[in-house]
Amino acid sequence: IVKRKRINLIISAFAKLLENKKNLILVIAGSGPKSDELEIKQLVRELRIEENVKFVGLVVGNEKLELLESAKVFIHAAYADTHPVAVEEALAMGIPVVMTDCDMPEVAEYNAGIIVEPDIHSIHQTLAKILEDENKLSIFSKNAKKLVNEKFLVKDQVKKYERMYLDAIKNGK
């Protein structure tokens, strides 16, 4: 929980979602400097959404898998994140992602989620639209797994690097 993750945008967009869908839960995993955590928790209190926002701290291993399995959507609003591992983990679990401007265009290319502008309105509108469309969520989920299988598995990446280096050696002679 640090400022560059823009959790304040997520919380504010989520609060707008709750105006029409009271049964949603936002789970915030991770930790950070106490001042940043306190600021985020203060925002939750100010918006009066304490009942719908759960802070679970740092999660790892099976606990992380269980948390991801229970998610309908994974939201990532950080800036200056190049290929965020947390997004890749969510995709591997078949969880559609809504993300802002980090470097992962494959999400849009594979229709595994939606890349949005980093503002409350864009995040809110996108979440509202996809949460009410189970068919869309299902398509995103299937595409998320396909994306991971085709682009992000280590064994496949090693083969690509091997081919790249062999081509470089071959063309360098």
Protein backbone atom coordinates (compact mmCIF):
# COMPACT_ATOMS: atom_id res chain seq x y z
CA ILE A 1 0.00 0.00 0.00
CA VAL A 2 1.99 2.89 -1.36
CA LYS A 3 0.96 6.09 -3.14
CA ARG A 4 2.16 4.93 -6.59
CA LYS A 5 -0.38 2.08 -6.46
CA ARG A 6 -3.16 4.72 -6.58
CA ILE A 7 -5.36 2.73 -4.24
CA ASN A 8 -7.24 5.96 -3.51
CA LEU A 9 -8.58 5.88 -7.10
CA ILE A 10 -9.71 2.28 -6.69
CA ILE A 11 -11.43 2.98 -3.38
CA SER A 12 -13.18 6.08 -4.71
CA ALA A 13 -14.39 4.21 -7.83
CA PHE A 14 -15.50 1.31 -5.64
CA ALA A 15 -17.50 3.68 -3.41
CA LYS A 16 -19.42 4.83 -6.51
CA LEU A 17 -20.10 1.19 -7.41
CA LEU A 18 -21.63 0.64 -3.98
CA GLU A 19 -24.29 3.24 -4.72
CA ASN A 20 -26.01 0.64 -6.94
CA LYS A 21 -24.50 -2.68 -5.80
CA LYS A 22 -24.34 -2.88 -2.03
CA ASN A 23 -23.12 -6.49 -1.81
CA LEU A 24 -19.62 -5.98 -3.23
CA ILE A 25 -16.42 -6.43 -1.25
CA LEU A 26 -13.10 -4.80 -2.11
CA VAL A 27 -10.12 -6.70 -0.76
CA ILE A 28 -6.88 -4.77 -0.44
CA ALA A 29 -3.84 -6.95 -0.01
CA GLY A 30 -0.35 -5.77 0.79
CA SER A 31 1.35 -3.48 3.20
CA GLY A 32 3.33 -0.29 3.08
CA PRO A 33 4.46 2.68 5.10
CA LYS A 34 2.12 3.29 8.04
CA SER A 35 1.39 6.83 6.84
CA ASP A 36 0.17 5.56 3.45
CA GLU A 37 -1.93 2.81 5.06
CA LEU A 38 -3.49 5.27 7.50
CA GLU A 39 -4.32 7.66 4.66
CA ILE A 40 -6.07 4.91 2.68
CA LYS A 41 -7.98 3.68 5.73
CA GLN A 42 -9.04 7.27 6.48
CA LEU A 43 -10.45 7.55 2.95
CA VAL A 44 -12.46 4.36 3.50
CA ARG A 45 -13.88 5.84 6.73
CA GLU A 46 -14.67 9.18 5.07
CA LEU A 47 -16.57 7.38 2.30
CA ARG A 48 -18.36 5.27 4.92
CA ILE A 49 -17.58 1.99 3.18
CA GLU A 50 -15.76 0.19 6.01
CA GLU A 51 -18.16 -2.77 5.81
CA ASN A 52 -17.29 -3.35 2.15
CA VAL A 53 -13.51 -2.89 2.23
CA LYS A 54 -11.25 -5.51 3.77
CA PHE A 55 -7.55 -4.94 4.44
CA VAL A 56 -5.84 -8.34 4.60
CA GLY A 57 -2.19 -7.31 4.76
CA LEU A 58 0.54 -9.22 2.97
CA VAL A 59 -0.64 -12.53 1.53
CA VAL A 60 1.59 -15.26 0.11
CA GLY A 61 1.43 -18.87 -1.00
CA ASN A 62 -1.85 -20.72 -0.60
CA GLU A 63 -3.47 -17.76 1.11
CA LYS A 64 -2.81 -15.65 -2.01
CA LEU A 65 -4.20 -18.41 -4.25
CA GLU A 66 -7.37 -18.67 -2.15
CA LEU A 67 -7.82 -14.91 -2.24
CA LEU A 68 -7.38 -14.80 -6.00
CA GLU A 69 -9.78 -17.73 -6.47
CA SER A 70 -12.50 -15.75 -4.72
CA ALA A 71 -12.05 -12.66 -6.92
CA LYS A 72 -14.27 -11.69 -9.82
CA VAL A 73 -11.95 -8.91 -11.03
CA PHE A 74 -8.42 -7.79 -10.22
CA ILE A 75 -7.81 -4.04 -10.23
CA HIS A 76 -4.34 -2.59 -10.74
CA ALA A 77 -4.00 1.19 -10.88
CA ALA A 78 -0.29 1.68 -10.18
CA TYR A 79 1.84 3.92 -12.33
CA ALA A 80 5.38 3.19 -13.44
CA ASP A 81 4.82 -0.56 -13.20
CA THR A 82 6.48 -2.52 -15.96
CA HIS A 83 4.83 -5.90 -16.39
CA PRO A 84 3.40 -6.18 -12.86
CA VAL A 85 3.70 -9.66 -11.35
CA ALA A 86 0.44 -9.28 -9.42
CA VAL A 87 -1.45 -8.79 -12.70
CA GLU A 88 0.23 -11.84 -14.19
CA GLU A 89 -0.73 -13.90 -11.13
CA ALA A 90 -4.36 -12.81 -11.45
CA LEU A 91 -4.40 -13.64 -15.16
CA ALA A 92 -2.90 -17.07 -14.45
CA MET A 93 -5.85 -17.73 -12.14
CA GLY A 94 -8.24 -16.70 -14.90
CA ILE A 95 -9.21 -13.43 -13.25
CA PRO A 96 -10.02 -10.56 -15.60
CA VAL A 97 -8.07 -7.40 -14.91
CA VAL A 98 -8.91 -3.75 -14.97
CA MET A 99 -5.70 -1.82 -15.07
CA THR A 100 -4.35 1.61 -15.78
CA ASP A 101 -1.30 2.74 -17.67
CA CYS A 102 1.33 0.13 -16.87
CA ASP A 103 3.24 -1.65 -19.59
CA MET A 104 1.15 -4.73 -20.34
CA PRO A 105 -0.63 -4.20 -23.66
CA GLU A 106 -1.20 -7.96 -23.97
CA VAL A 107 -4.18 -7.62 -21.63
CA ALA A 108 -6.04 -5.63 -24.28
CA GLU A 109 -4.62 -7.65 -27.21
CA TYR A 110 -5.95 -10.90 -25.72
CA ASN A 111 -9.19 -9.37 -24.43
CA ALA A 112 -8.28 -10.57 -20.94
CA GLY A 113 -9.37 -7.37 -19.27
CA ILE A 114 -9.57 -3.66 -19.89
CA ILE A 115 -6.92 -0.96 -19.75
CA VAL A 116 -8.48 2.27 -18.49
CA GLU A 117 -7.51 5.85 -17.84
CA PRO A 118 -6.20 6.42 -14.31
CA ASP A 119 -9.22 8.29 -13.02
CA ILE A 120 -12.17 7.48 -10.78
CA HIS A 121 -14.79 7.77 -13.53
CA SER A 122 -13.02 5.40 -15.96
CA ILE A 123 -12.36 2.80 -13.30
CA HIS A 124 -15.92 3.03 -11.95
CA GLN A 125 -17.60 2.83 -15.38
CA THR A 126 -15.48 -0.12 -16.48
CA LEU A 127 -16.05 -2.06 -13.26
CA ALA A 128 -19.80 -1.37 -13.37
CA LYS A 129 -20.03 -2.56 -16.96
CA ILE A 130 -18.09 -5.80 -16.58
CA LEU A 131 -19.45 -6.80 -13.17
CA GLU A 132 -22.98 -6.85 -14.54
CA ASP A 133 -22.03 -9.01 -17.54
CA GLU A 134 -21.24 -12.61 -16.51
CA ASN A 135 -20.67 -13.57 -20.14
CA LYS A 136 -18.02 -10.85 -20.51
CA LEU A 137 -16.35 -11.99 -17.29
CA SER A 138 -16.28 -15.55 -18.61
CA ILE A 139 -14.71 -14.48 -21.91
CA PHE A 140 -12.11 -12.37 -20.11
CA SER A 141 -11.34 -15.30 -17.80
CA LYS A 142 -10.74 -17.74 -20.66
CA ASN A 143 -8.63 -15.19 -22.48
CA ALA A 144 -6.61 -14.45 -19.34
CA LYS A 145 -5.55 -18.09 -19.09
CA LYS A 146 -4.80 -18.19 -22.81
CA LEU A 147 -2.64 -15.07 -22.52
CA VAL A 148 -0.59 -16.55 -19.70
CA ASN A 149 -0.19 -19.87 -21.50
CA GLU A 150 0.91 -18.25 -24.75
CA LYS A 151 3.00 -15.33 -23.52
CA PHE A 152 4.14 -15.62 -19.93
CA LEU A 153 5.07 -19.20 -19.06
CA VAL A 154 8.78 -19.40 -18.21
CA LYS A 155 9.42 -22.54 -20.27
CA ASP A 156 8.06 -20.80 -23.37
CA GLN A 157 10.01 -17.62 -22.68
CA VAL A 158 13.26 -19.60 -22.41
CA LYS A 159 12.61 -21.15 -25.83
CA LYS A 160 11.99 -17.71 -27.34
CA TYR A 161 15.25 -16.38 -25.89
CA GLU A 162 17.14 -19.43 -27.14
CA ARG A 163 15.80 -18.85 -30.67
CA MET A 164 16.61 -15.16 -30.48
CA TYR A 165 20.21 -15.82 -29.38
CA LEU A 166 20.70 -18.58 -31.96
CA ASP A 167 19.41 -16.25 -34.68
CA ALA A 168 21.74 -13.51 -33.46
CA ILE A 169 24.71 -15.90 -33.51
CA LYS A 170 23.78 -17.26 -36.92
CA ASN A 171 23.31 -13.80 -38.42
CA GLY A 172 26.46 -12.50 -36.78
CA LYS A 173 28.74 -14.93 -38.69
